[in-house]
């Protein structure tokens, strides 16, 4: 039992270092988890930081093990976060050192695993490879650790691969998290507004 616990601690420490490396250069707002649900299909958690602390909706939330979720609602002092273990969650991810990307989704059941969908069937993916955020949104910057590939199989539609992913975050033991401030988001959002205005006038 001691050896098992030591190995678990070693893996958690390695994962945390991977997460810290991927977040270098980004501003983080530390927060504590005030409440957390893991037994529902649509789980949510509450953190003790809100609008007064600079938190806004659609900001990414991470922990020592990897991504946690996305800020869904805010008040002055608290925020409601939709975690990756919510069946409505849909996070763009990629395989590290590959160009392939898909969407991380949770189908209920175990909070330790989720599925990365829409990976091309011709992709050569191996068990144990790292899954990380793709950066194809303003929520998460690229390269934040998500988990590791546990298995590779054909998707139910037969048109793509479905990867089972061991999540880096232990949602059952979540206490300290950080909200990621993506400095590029205002500029990207501004471009989207300009595009919307342009399309409206055409």
N, C-alpha and C. Protein backbone atom coordinates (compact mmCIF):
# COMPACT_ATOMS: atom_id res chain seq x y z
N UNK A 1 0.82 -1.20 0.00
CA UNK A 1 0.00 0.00 0.00
C UNK A 1 0.87 1.26 0.00
N UNK A 2 1.96 1.21 0.77
CA UNK A 2 2.87 2.35 0.84
C UNK A 2 3.47 2.65 -0.53
N UNK A 3 3.85 1.57 -1.26
CA UNK A 3 4.44 1.75 -2.59
C UNK A 3 3.42 2.34 -3.57
N UNK A 4 2.15 1.90 -3.46
CA UNK A 4 1.09 2.40 -4.33
C UNK A 4 0.87 3.89 -4.09
N UNK A 5 0.82 4.28 -2.80
CA UNK A 5 0.62 5.69 -2.45
C UNK A 5 1.80 6.54 -2.91
N UNK A 6 3.02 5.99 -2.77
CA UNK A 6 4.21 6.72 -3.19
C UNK A 6 4.20 6.95 -4.70
N UNK A 7 3.79 5.92 -5.46
CA UNK A 7 3.73 6.03 -6.91
C UNK A 7 2.67 7.04 -7.32
N UNK A 8 1.51 7.03 -6.62
CA UNK A 8 0.43 7.97 -6.90
C UNK A 8 0.90 9.40 -6.66
N UNK A 9 1.62 9.62 -5.54
CA UNK A 9 2.13 10.95 -5.22
C UNK A 9 3.14 11.41 -6.26
N UNK A 10 3.97 10.48 -6.73
CA UNK A 10 4.98 10.79 -7.74
C UNK A 10 4.32 11.23 -9.04
N UNK A 11 3.26 10.52 -9.46
CA UNK A 11 2.55 10.86 -10.69
C UNK A 11 1.87 12.21 -10.57
N UNK A 12 1.25 12.47 -9.41
CA UNK A 12 0.57 13.74 -9.19
C UNK A 12 1.56 14.90 -9.23
N UNK A 13 2.75 14.69 -8.65
CA UNK A 13 3.78 15.72 -8.64
C UNK A 13 4.27 16.01 -10.06
N UNK A 14 4.43 14.96 -10.86
CA UNK A 14 4.87 15.12 -12.25
C UNK A 14 3.82 15.86 -13.06
N UNK A 15 2.55 15.49 -12.87
CA UNK A 15 1.45 16.17 -13.58
C UNK A 15 1.41 17.64 -13.23
N UNK A 16 1.59 17.94 -11.94
CA UNK A 16 1.54 19.33 -11.48
C UNK A 16 2.66 20.15 -12.11
N UNK A 17 3.84 19.54 -12.28
CA UNK A 17 4.96 20.24 -12.91
C UNK A 17 4.66 20.51 -14.37
N UNK A 18 4.01 19.54 -15.05
CA UNK A 18 3.62 19.72 -16.45
C UNK A 18 2.64 20.88 -16.58
N UNK A 19 1.68 20.95 -15.65
CA UNK A 19 0.69 22.03 -15.66
C UNK A 19 1.36 23.37 -15.43
N UNK A 20 2.23 23.43 -14.44
CA UNK A 20 2.93 24.68 -14.13
C UNK A 20 3.77 25.18 -15.31
N UNK A 21 4.43 24.26 -15.99
CA UNK A 21 5.23 24.63 -17.15
C UNK A 21 4.37 25.21 -18.26
N UNK A 22 3.19 24.61 -18.48
CA UNK A 22 2.31 25.06 -19.56
C UNK A 22 1.68 26.41 -19.26
N UNK A 23 1.63 26.81 -17.99
CA UNK A 23 1.01 28.07 -17.61
C UNK A 23 2.03 29.20 -17.40
N UNK A 24 3.29 28.91 -17.64
CA UNK A 24 4.32 29.93 -17.47
C UNK A 24 4.04 31.12 -18.39
N UNK A 25 4.04 32.32 -17.81
CA UNK A 25 3.80 33.52 -18.59
C UNK A 25 2.36 34.01 -18.55
N UNK A 26 1.47 33.21 -17.96
CA UNK A 26 0.07 33.62 -17.87
C UNK A 26 -0.25 34.09 -16.45
N UNK A 27 -1.17 35.04 -16.36
CA UNK A 27 -1.60 35.54 -15.05
C UNK A 27 -2.68 34.63 -14.49
N UNK A 28 -2.52 34.25 -13.23
CA UNK A 28 -3.46 33.34 -12.58
C UNK A 28 -4.08 34.00 -11.36
N UNK A 29 -5.37 33.78 -11.15
CA UNK A 29 -6.05 34.25 -9.95
C UNK A 29 -6.36 33.03 -9.09
N UNK A 30 -5.68 32.86 -7.95
CA UNK A 30 -5.92 31.68 -7.10
C UNK A 30 -7.29 31.75 -6.43
N UNK A 31 -7.91 30.60 -6.25
CA UNK A 31 -9.23 30.54 -5.62
C UNK A 31 -9.37 29.21 -4.89
N UNK A 32 -10.35 29.19 -3.99
CA UNK A 32 -10.67 27.96 -3.25
C UNK A 32 -12.04 27.47 -3.70
N UNK A 33 -12.19 26.15 -3.74
CA UNK A 33 -13.48 25.56 -4.08
C UNK A 33 -14.37 25.59 -2.85
N UNK A 34 -15.53 26.27 -2.97
CA UNK A 34 -16.46 26.38 -1.85
C UNK A 34 -17.45 25.23 -1.80
N UNK A 35 -17.86 24.76 -2.96
CA UNK A 35 -18.74 23.59 -3.04
C UNK A 35 -18.51 22.90 -4.37
N UNK A 36 -18.83 21.60 -4.41
CA UNK A 36 -18.48 20.81 -5.57
C UNK A 36 -19.43 19.62 -5.68
N UNK A 37 -19.89 19.33 -6.89
CA UNK A 37 -20.70 18.13 -7.10
C UNK A 37 -20.02 17.24 -8.13
N UNK A 38 -20.08 15.93 -7.92
CA UNK A 38 -19.45 14.98 -8.84
C UNK A 38 -20.37 13.82 -9.21
N UNK A 39 -21.56 13.76 -8.61
CA UNK A 39 -22.43 12.60 -8.78
C UNK A 39 -23.56 12.84 -9.78
N UNK A 40 -23.62 14.02 -10.36
CA UNK A 40 -24.68 14.34 -11.32
C UNK A 40 -24.15 14.28 -12.74
N UNK A 41 -25.05 14.33 -13.70
CA UNK A 41 -24.62 14.44 -15.10
C UNK A 41 -24.17 15.87 -15.42
N UNK A 42 -24.84 16.84 -14.79
CA UNK A 42 -24.49 18.25 -14.98
C UNK A 42 -23.92 18.78 -13.67
N UNK A 43 -22.65 18.46 -13.44
CA UNK A 43 -21.97 18.89 -12.22
C UNK A 43 -21.53 20.34 -12.33
N UNK A 44 -21.45 21.01 -11.18
CA UNK A 44 -20.92 22.37 -11.10
C UNK A 44 -20.11 22.50 -9.83
N UNK A 45 -19.23 23.50 -9.79
CA UNK A 45 -18.52 23.82 -8.56
C UNK A 45 -18.52 25.33 -8.38
N UNK A 46 -18.39 25.75 -7.14
CA UNK A 46 -18.38 27.18 -6.80
C UNK A 46 -17.01 27.54 -6.24
N UNK A 47 -16.42 28.64 -6.72
CA UNK A 47 -15.14 29.11 -6.19
C UNK A 47 -15.34 30.45 -5.50
N UNK A 48 -14.43 30.77 -4.58
CA UNK A 48 -14.60 31.95 -3.73
C UNK A 48 -14.01 33.24 -4.30
N UNK A 49 -14.00 33.35 -5.61
CA UNK A 49 -13.57 34.59 -6.27
C UNK A 49 -14.61 34.94 -7.33
N UNK A 50 -14.85 36.27 -7.48
CA UNK A 50 -15.88 36.70 -8.42
C UNK A 50 -15.52 37.96 -9.16
N UNK A 51 -16.56 38.72 -9.53
CA UNK A 51 -16.37 39.92 -10.33
C UNK A 51 -15.43 40.93 -9.68
N UNK A 52 -15.50 41.06 -8.36
CA UNK A 52 -14.63 42.02 -7.66
C UNK A 52 -13.16 41.63 -7.75
N UNK A 53 -12.89 40.37 -8.08
CA UNK A 53 -11.51 39.88 -8.19
C UNK A 53 -11.05 39.82 -9.65
N UNK A 54 -11.90 40.28 -10.57
CA UNK A 54 -11.52 40.28 -11.97
C UNK A 54 -11.98 39.05 -12.74
N UNK A 55 -12.82 38.22 -12.12
CA UNK A 55 -13.30 37.02 -12.79
C UNK A 55 -14.44 37.37 -13.73
N UNK A 56 -14.40 36.79 -14.92
CA UNK A 56 -15.46 36.99 -15.91
C UNK A 56 -15.91 35.62 -16.43
N UNK A 57 -17.10 35.59 -17.03
CA UNK A 57 -17.58 34.35 -17.62
C UNK A 57 -16.66 33.93 -18.77
N UNK A 58 -16.62 32.63 -19.00
CA UNK A 58 -15.83 32.03 -20.07
C UNK A 58 -14.33 32.15 -19.85
N UNK A 59 -13.92 32.28 -18.60
CA UNK A 59 -12.50 32.17 -18.27
C UNK A 59 -12.21 30.71 -17.89
N UNK A 60 -11.02 30.25 -18.23
CA UNK A 60 -10.63 28.89 -17.92
C UNK A 60 -10.18 28.74 -16.47
N UNK A 61 -10.47 27.58 -15.90
CA UNK A 61 -10.08 27.27 -14.52
C UNK A 61 -9.22 26.01 -14.53
N UNK A 62 -8.09 26.07 -13.82
CA UNK A 62 -7.16 24.94 -13.77
C UNK A 62 -6.82 24.59 -12.33
N UNK A 63 -6.31 23.38 -12.15
CA UNK A 63 -5.83 22.95 -10.85
C UNK A 63 -4.45 22.34 -11.00
N UNK A 64 -3.94 21.75 -9.92
CA UNK A 64 -2.61 21.16 -9.97
C UNK A 64 -2.50 19.99 -10.93
N UNK A 65 -3.64 19.35 -11.23
CA UNK A 65 -3.61 18.18 -12.11
C UNK A 65 -3.95 18.49 -13.56
N UNK A 66 -4.38 19.72 -13.84
CA UNK A 66 -4.73 20.07 -15.21
C UNK A 66 -5.96 20.95 -15.26
N UNK A 67 -6.67 20.93 -16.39
CA UNK A 67 -7.85 21.77 -16.53
C UNK A 67 -8.96 21.31 -15.58
N UNK A 68 -9.73 22.29 -15.12
CA UNK A 68 -10.88 22.00 -14.25
C UNK A 68 -12.17 22.27 -15.01
N UNK A 69 -12.30 23.46 -15.60
CA UNK A 69 -13.51 23.80 -16.32
C UNK A 69 -13.54 25.25 -16.75
N UNK A 70 -14.74 25.77 -16.94
CA UNK A 70 -14.93 27.12 -17.48
C UNK A 70 -15.91 27.89 -16.60
N UNK A 71 -15.58 29.15 -16.30
CA UNK A 71 -16.47 29.98 -15.50
C UNK A 71 -17.79 30.17 -16.26
N UNK A 72 -18.89 29.84 -15.58
CA UNK A 72 -20.21 29.86 -16.22
C UNK A 72 -21.04 31.07 -15.77
N UNK A 73 -21.02 31.37 -14.48
CA UNK A 73 -21.74 32.52 -13.93
C UNK A 73 -20.87 33.18 -12.87
N UNK A 74 -21.06 34.49 -12.68
CA UNK A 74 -20.30 35.20 -11.65
C UNK A 74 -21.20 36.08 -10.80
N UNK A 75 -20.79 36.28 -9.55
CA UNK A 75 -21.38 37.31 -8.68
C UNK A 75 -20.21 38.14 -8.17
N UNK A 76 -20.45 39.03 -7.24
CA UNK A 76 -19.36 39.88 -6.77
C UNK A 76 -18.23 39.10 -6.12
N UNK A 77 -18.58 38.07 -5.36
CA UNK A 77 -17.55 37.38 -4.57
C UNK A 77 -17.39 35.91 -4.90
N UNK A 78 -18.25 35.36 -5.75
CA UNK A 78 -18.19 33.93 -6.08
C UNK A 78 -18.41 33.72 -7.57
N UNK A 79 -17.99 32.53 -8.04
CA UNK A 79 -18.21 32.16 -9.43
C UNK A 79 -18.64 30.71 -9.51
N UNK A 80 -19.55 30.44 -10.44
CA UNK A 80 -20.00 29.08 -10.72
C UNK A 80 -19.23 28.56 -11.92
N UNK A 81 -18.62 27.40 -11.76
CA UNK A 81 -17.75 26.84 -12.79
C UNK A 81 -18.37 25.55 -13.34
N UNK A 82 -18.43 25.44 -14.68
CA UNK A 82 -18.83 24.19 -15.32
C UNK A 82 -17.57 23.35 -15.51
N UNK A 83 -17.44 22.25 -14.76
CA UNK A 83 -16.23 21.43 -14.87
C UNK A 83 -16.24 20.55 -16.11
N UNK A 84 -15.10 19.96 -16.41
CA UNK A 84 -15.00 19.03 -17.54
C UNK A 84 -15.90 17.82 -17.34
N UNK A 85 -16.26 17.51 -16.07
CA UNK A 85 -17.16 16.39 -15.79
C UNK A 85 -18.61 16.87 -15.72
N UNK A 86 -19.00 17.62 -16.72
CA UNK A 86 -20.39 18.02 -16.93
C UNK A 86 -20.72 17.61 -18.36
N UNK A 87 -21.83 16.92 -18.56
CA UNK A 87 -22.14 16.39 -19.89
C UNK A 87 -22.34 17.48 -20.94
N UNK A 88 -22.50 18.73 -20.50
CA UNK A 88 -22.63 19.85 -21.45
C UNK A 88 -21.29 20.49 -21.78
N UNK A 89 -20.24 20.06 -21.07
CA UNK A 89 -18.90 20.63 -21.31
C UNK A 89 -18.36 20.14 -22.65
N UNK A 90 -17.65 21.01 -23.33
CA UNK A 90 -17.12 20.71 -24.66
C UNK A 90 -15.85 21.53 -24.86
N UNK A 91 -14.69 20.95 -24.57
CA UNK A 91 -13.44 21.69 -24.55
C UNK A 91 -12.53 21.24 -25.70
N UNK A 92 -12.05 22.20 -26.48
CA UNK A 92 -11.18 21.90 -27.61
C UNK A 92 -9.80 21.47 -27.11
N UNK A 93 -9.37 20.29 -27.52
CA UNK A 93 -8.07 19.74 -27.07
C UNK A 93 -7.32 19.15 -28.26
N UNK A 94 -6.04 18.94 -28.04
CA UNK A 94 -5.20 18.34 -29.07
C UNK A 94 -4.27 17.31 -28.42
N UNK A 95 -3.64 16.51 -29.28
CA UNK A 95 -2.62 15.57 -28.80
C UNK A 95 -1.27 16.27 -28.89
N UNK A 96 -0.54 16.28 -27.79
CA UNK A 96 0.76 16.97 -27.77
C UNK A 96 1.69 16.42 -28.85
N UNK A 97 2.35 17.33 -29.56
CA UNK A 97 3.29 17.02 -30.64
C UNK A 97 2.59 16.51 -31.90
N UNK A 98 1.28 16.63 -31.96
CA UNK A 98 0.51 16.30 -33.16
C UNK A 98 -0.32 17.52 -33.54
N UNK A 99 -0.83 17.52 -34.75
CA UNK A 99 -1.71 18.61 -35.19
C UNK A 99 -3.18 18.24 -35.03
N UNK A 100 -3.44 17.03 -34.59
CA UNK A 100 -4.82 16.58 -34.47
C UNK A 100 -5.50 17.20 -33.25
N UNK A 101 -6.74 17.62 -33.44
CA UNK A 101 -7.48 18.14 -32.30
C UNK A 101 -8.92 17.66 -32.37
N UNK A 102 -9.58 17.67 -31.21
CA UNK A 102 -10.97 17.26 -31.12
C UNK A 102 -11.61 17.92 -29.91
N UNK A 103 -12.71 17.35 -29.45
CA UNK A 103 -13.46 17.96 -28.36
C UNK A 103 -13.60 16.99 -27.20
N UNK A 104 -13.18 17.45 -26.02
CA UNK A 104 -13.24 16.62 -24.83
C UNK A 104 -14.65 16.67 -24.27
N UNK A 105 -15.24 15.49 -24.11
CA UNK A 105 -16.60 15.40 -23.58
C UNK A 105 -16.68 14.29 -22.55
N UNK A 106 -17.54 14.50 -21.57
CA UNK A 106 -17.75 13.53 -20.49
C UNK A 106 -19.15 12.95 -20.63
N UNK A 107 -19.24 11.62 -20.56
CA UNK A 107 -20.51 10.95 -20.78
C UNK A 107 -21.20 10.50 -19.50
N UNK A 108 -20.71 10.99 -18.37
CA UNK A 108 -21.25 10.53 -17.09
C UNK A 108 -20.40 9.38 -16.55
N UNK A 109 -20.78 8.86 -15.39
CA UNK A 109 -20.02 7.74 -14.82
C UNK A 109 -18.78 8.20 -14.09
N UNK A 110 -17.67 7.55 -14.34
CA UNK A 110 -16.42 7.83 -13.63
C UNK A 110 -15.95 9.26 -13.87
N UNK A 111 -15.53 9.92 -12.80
CA UNK A 111 -15.00 11.29 -12.91
C UNK A 111 -13.52 11.29 -13.25
N UNK A 112 -12.96 10.11 -13.46
CA UNK A 112 -11.53 10.00 -13.75
C UNK A 112 -11.24 9.99 -15.24
N UNK A 113 -12.28 9.76 -16.06
CA UNK A 113 -12.07 9.64 -17.51
C UNK A 113 -13.09 10.45 -18.30
N UNK A 114 -12.67 10.84 -19.49
CA UNK A 114 -13.56 11.51 -20.45
C UNK A 114 -13.13 11.05 -21.84
N UNK A 115 -13.79 11.57 -22.88
CA UNK A 115 -13.50 11.11 -24.24
C UNK A 115 -13.14 12.29 -25.14
N UNK A 116 -12.11 12.08 -25.95
CA UNK A 116 -11.72 13.08 -26.95
C UNK A 116 -12.24 12.59 -28.29
N UNK A 117 -13.20 13.33 -28.86
CA UNK A 117 -13.87 12.92 -30.08
C UNK A 117 -13.39 13.70 -31.30
N UNK A 118 -13.74 13.19 -32.47
CA UNK A 118 -13.47 13.84 -33.76
C UNK A 118 -12.00 13.83 -34.17
N UNK A 119 -11.24 12.88 -33.66
CA UNK A 119 -9.86 12.71 -34.11
C UNK A 119 -9.87 11.91 -35.41
N UNK A 120 -9.16 12.36 -36.46
CA UNK A 120 -9.18 11.63 -37.75
C UNK A 120 -8.76 10.17 -37.61
N UNK A 121 -9.39 9.30 -38.39
CA UNK A 121 -9.11 7.86 -38.28
C UNK A 121 -7.68 7.52 -38.68
N UNK A 122 -7.08 8.35 -39.53
CA UNK A 122 -5.72 8.06 -39.99
C UNK A 122 -4.65 8.51 -38.98
N UNK A 123 -5.06 9.18 -37.90
CA UNK A 123 -4.10 9.67 -36.90
C UNK A 123 -3.42 8.50 -36.18
N UNK A 124 -2.13 8.61 -36.02
CA UNK A 124 -1.36 7.57 -35.33
C UNK A 124 -1.17 8.00 -33.88
N UNK A 125 -2.12 7.62 -33.04
CA UNK A 125 -2.11 8.01 -31.62
C UNK A 125 -1.79 6.80 -30.77
N UNK A 126 -0.91 6.99 -29.80
CA UNK A 126 -0.51 5.90 -28.92
C UNK A 126 -1.05 6.11 -27.51
N UNK A 127 -1.30 5.01 -26.83
CA UNK A 127 -1.70 5.06 -25.43
C UNK A 127 -0.58 5.71 -24.62
N UNK A 128 -0.94 6.61 -23.71
CA UNK A 128 0.05 7.28 -22.88
C UNK A 128 0.44 8.67 -23.36
N UNK A 129 0.03 9.03 -24.58
CA UNK A 129 0.36 10.37 -25.08
C UNK A 129 -0.45 11.43 -24.33
N UNK A 130 0.14 12.62 -24.24
CA UNK A 130 -0.49 13.72 -23.50
C UNK A 130 -1.60 14.38 -24.32
N UNK A 131 -2.67 14.70 -23.63
CA UNK A 131 -3.75 15.50 -24.19
C UNK A 131 -3.68 16.88 -23.54
N UNK A 132 -3.77 17.94 -24.34
CA UNK A 132 -3.66 19.29 -23.83
C UNK A 132 -4.65 20.21 -24.54
N UNK A 133 -4.86 21.40 -23.99
CA UNK A 133 -5.76 22.35 -24.64
C UNK A 133 -5.18 22.78 -25.98
N UNK A 134 -6.09 23.01 -26.95
CA UNK A 134 -5.63 23.34 -28.31
C UNK A 134 -5.33 24.82 -28.48
N UNK A 135 -5.98 25.68 -27.68
CA UNK A 135 -5.82 27.11 -27.85
C UNK A 135 -6.73 27.67 -28.93
N UNK A 136 -7.66 26.83 -29.47
CA UNK A 136 -8.56 27.29 -30.52
C UNK A 136 -9.81 27.97 -29.95
N UNK A 137 -9.64 28.67 -28.84
CA UNK A 137 -10.71 29.48 -28.24
C UNK A 137 -10.03 30.50 -27.35
N UNK A 138 -10.81 31.44 -26.83
CA UNK A 138 -10.24 32.43 -25.92
C UNK A 138 -10.35 31.99 -24.47
N UNK A 139 -10.85 30.77 -24.24
CA UNK A 139 -11.03 30.28 -22.87
C UNK A 139 -9.71 29.81 -22.28
N UNK A 140 -9.07 28.87 -22.95
CA UNK A 140 -7.79 28.33 -22.48
C UNK A 140 -6.68 28.65 -23.47
N UNK A 141 -5.53 29.05 -22.98
CA UNK A 141 -4.37 29.17 -23.88
C UNK A 141 -3.94 27.77 -24.29
N UNK A 142 -3.15 27.64 -25.34
CA UNK A 142 -2.73 26.31 -25.79
C UNK A 142 -1.74 25.65 -24.83
N UNK A 143 -1.77 24.32 -24.82
CA UNK A 143 -0.74 23.56 -24.12
C UNK A 143 -0.98 23.25 -22.66
N UNK A 144 -2.18 23.53 -22.14
CA UNK A 144 -2.45 23.21 -20.73
C UNK A 144 -2.80 21.73 -20.61
N UNK A 145 -2.17 21.05 -19.71
CA UNK A 145 -2.33 19.61 -19.54
C UNK A 145 -3.78 19.24 -19.21
N UNK A 146 -4.29 18.22 -19.89
CA UNK A 146 -5.64 17.72 -19.66
C UNK A 146 -5.61 16.31 -19.08
N UNK A 147 -4.79 15.46 -19.68
CA UNK A 147 -4.70 14.08 -19.22
C UNK A 147 -3.86 13.25 -20.17
N UNK A 148 -4.01 11.94 -20.09
CA UNK A 148 -3.26 11.03 -20.95
C UNK A 148 -4.22 10.06 -21.64
N UNK A 149 -3.85 9.67 -22.86
CA UNK A 149 -4.66 8.74 -23.62
C UNK A 149 -4.63 7.37 -22.95
N UNK A 150 -5.81 6.85 -22.64
CA UNK A 150 -5.91 5.53 -22.01
C UNK A 150 -6.18 4.44 -23.03
N UNK A 151 -6.99 4.76 -24.05
CA UNK A 151 -7.28 3.78 -25.10
C UNK A 151 -7.69 4.50 -26.37
N UNK A 152 -7.55 3.81 -27.49
CA UNK A 152 -7.90 4.36 -28.80
C UNK A 152 -8.88 3.41 -29.47
N UNK A 153 -10.01 3.95 -29.95
CA UNK A 153 -11.02 3.11 -30.60
C UNK A 153 -11.74 3.91 -31.67
N UNK A 154 -12.45 3.22 -32.54
CA UNK A 154 -13.27 3.91 -33.53
C UNK A 154 -14.47 4.54 -32.83
N UNK A 155 -14.84 5.74 -33.27
CA UNK A 155 -16.02 6.40 -32.74
C UNK A 155 -17.27 5.62 -33.16
N UNK A 156 -18.38 5.79 -32.45
CA UNK A 156 -19.61 5.08 -32.81
C UNK A 156 -20.05 5.30 -34.26
N UNK A 157 -19.76 6.50 -34.81
CA UNK A 157 -20.17 6.76 -36.19
C UNK A 157 -19.24 6.12 -37.22
N UNK A 158 -18.10 5.59 -36.77
CA UNK A 158 -17.16 4.92 -37.65
C UNK A 158 -16.36 5.85 -38.54
N UNK A 159 -16.53 7.16 -38.37
CA UNK A 159 -15.87 8.12 -39.24
C UNK A 159 -14.63 8.76 -38.62
N UNK A 160 -14.43 8.54 -37.34
CA UNK A 160 -13.30 9.15 -36.64
C UNK A 160 -12.88 8.26 -35.48
N UNK A 161 -11.85 8.70 -34.76
CA UNK A 161 -11.39 7.98 -33.58
C UNK A 161 -11.98 8.61 -32.33
N UNK A 162 -12.15 7.78 -31.32
CA UNK A 162 -12.57 8.26 -30.01
C UNK A 162 -11.52 7.81 -29.00
N UNK A 163 -10.91 8.78 -28.34
CA UNK A 163 -9.84 8.48 -27.39
C UNK A 163 -10.39 8.56 -25.96
N UNK A 164 -10.17 7.52 -25.20
CA UNK A 164 -10.51 7.56 -23.78
C UNK A 164 -9.34 8.20 -23.05
N UNK A 165 -9.62 9.21 -22.24
CA UNK A 165 -8.57 10.02 -21.61
C UNK A 165 -8.64 9.90 -20.09
N UNK A 166 -7.51 9.55 -19.49
CA UNK A 166 -7.39 9.63 -18.03
C UNK A 166 -7.17 11.08 -17.65
N UNK A 167 -8.14 11.69 -17.00
CA UNK A 167 -8.04 13.10 -16.65
C UNK A 167 -6.99 13.34 -15.57
N UNK A 168 -6.26 14.44 -15.70
CA UNK A 168 -5.23 14.77 -14.71
C UNK A 168 -5.81 15.31 -13.42
N UNK A 169 -7.00 15.88 -13.47
CA UNK A 169 -7.63 16.48 -12.29
C UNK A 169 -8.46 15.45 -11.54
N UNK A 170 -8.25 15.37 -10.24
CA UNK A 170 -9.06 14.51 -9.37
C UNK A 170 -10.21 15.36 -8.83
N UNK A 171 -11.34 15.30 -9.50
CA UNK A 171 -12.47 16.17 -9.15
C UNK A 171 -13.07 15.84 -7.79
N UNK A 172 -12.84 14.65 -7.29
CA UNK A 172 -13.38 14.27 -5.99
C UNK A 172 -12.57 14.88 -4.84
N UNK A 173 -11.38 15.36 -5.15
CA UNK A 173 -10.52 15.94 -4.11
C UNK A 173 -10.00 17.31 -4.55
N UNK A 174 -10.91 18.14 -4.99
CA UNK A 174 -10.53 19.44 -5.54
C UNK A 174 -10.72 20.54 -4.49
N UNK A 175 -9.65 21.28 -4.20
CA UNK A 175 -9.75 22.34 -3.19
C UNK A 175 -9.16 23.66 -3.68
N UNK A 176 -7.97 23.63 -4.25
CA UNK A 176 -7.31 24.84 -4.73
C UNK A 176 -7.28 24.86 -6.25
N UNK A 177 -7.72 25.98 -6.83
CA UNK A 177 -7.72 26.12 -8.29
C UNK A 177 -7.20 27.50 -8.65
N UNK A 178 -7.03 27.75 -9.94
CA UNK A 178 -6.63 29.08 -10.43
C UNK A 178 -7.43 29.40 -11.68
N UNK A 179 -7.81 30.67 -11.80
CA UNK A 179 -8.50 31.15 -12.99
C UNK A 179 -7.45 31.78 -13.91
N UNK A 180 -7.46 31.37 -15.17
CA UNK A 180 -6.44 31.82 -16.12
C UNK A 180 -6.88 33.11 -16.81
N UNK A 181 -6.04 34.13 -16.76
CA UNK A 181 -6.29 35.38 -17.47
C UNK A 181 -5.58 35.30 -18.81
N UNK A 182 -6.35 35.19 -19.88
CA UNK A 182 -5.78 35.13 -21.22
C UNK A 182 -5.65 36.56 -21.74
N UNK A 183 -4.44 37.09 -21.76
CA UNK A 183 -4.20 38.48 -22.14
C UNK A 183 -4.58 38.77 -23.59
N UNK A 184 -4.64 37.73 -24.41
CA UNK A 184 -4.97 37.92 -25.82
C UNK A 184 -6.48 37.98 -26.06
N UNK A 185 -7.26 37.62 -25.04
CA UNK A 185 -8.72 37.54 -25.24
C UNK A 185 -9.36 38.86 -25.67
N UNK A 186 -9.03 40.00 -25.03
CA UNK A 186 -9.69 41.25 -25.44
C UNK A 186 -9.48 41.58 -26.92
N UNK A 187 -8.27 41.34 -27.42
CA UNK A 187 -7.99 41.64 -28.83
C UNK A 187 -8.76 40.69 -29.74
N UNK A 188 -8.82 39.41 -29.36
CA UNK A 188 -9.55 38.43 -30.17
C UNK A 188 -11.04 38.74 -30.16
N UNK A 189 -11.58 39.08 -28.97
CA UNK A 189 -12.99 39.44 -28.86
C UNK A 189 -13.32 40.67 -29.69
N UNK A 190 -12.37 41.61 -29.72
CA UNK A 190 -12.57 42.83 -30.51
C UNK A 190 -12.68 42.50 -31.99
N UNK A 191 -11.86 41.56 -32.46
CA UNK A 191 -11.94 41.14 -33.86
C UNK A 191 -13.28 40.49 -34.17
N UNK A 192 -13.78 39.69 -33.21
CA UNK A 192 -15.07 39.03 -33.41
C UNK A 192 -16.21 40.05 -33.51
N UNK A 193 -16.12 41.10 -32.69
CA UNK A 193 -17.13 42.17 -32.73
C UNK A 193 -17.08 42.87 -34.08
N UNK A 194 -15.87 43.16 -34.57
CA UNK A 194 -15.72 43.83 -35.87
C UNK A 194 -16.29 42.96 -36.99
N UNK A 195 -16.04 41.64 -36.90
CA UNK A 195 -16.57 40.73 -37.91
C UNK A 195 -18.09 40.71 -37.88
N UNK A 196 -18.64 40.68 -36.67
CA UNK A 196 -20.10 40.68 -36.51
C UNK A 196 -20.72 41.95 -37.09
N UNK A 197 -20.07 43.07 -36.81
CA UNK A 197 -20.57 44.36 -37.35
C UNK A 197 -20.47 44.40 -38.87
N UNK A 198 -19.39 43.83 -39.40
CA UNK A 198 -19.20 43.81 -40.85
C UNK A 198 -20.28 42.96 -41.52
N UNK A 199 -20.55 41.80 -40.95
CA UNK A 199 -21.56 40.89 -41.52
C UNK A 199 -22.95 41.52 -41.47
N UNK A 200 -23.19 42.30 -40.42
CA UNK A 200 -24.51 42.94 -40.26
C UNK A 200 -24.76 44.00 -41.33
N UNK A 201 -23.68 44.67 -41.76
CA UNK A 201 -23.82 45.77 -42.72
C UNK A 201 -23.83 45.28 -44.17
N UNK A 202 -23.53 44.01 -44.39
CA UNK A 202 -23.45 43.50 -45.77
C UNK A 202 -24.85 43.12 -46.30
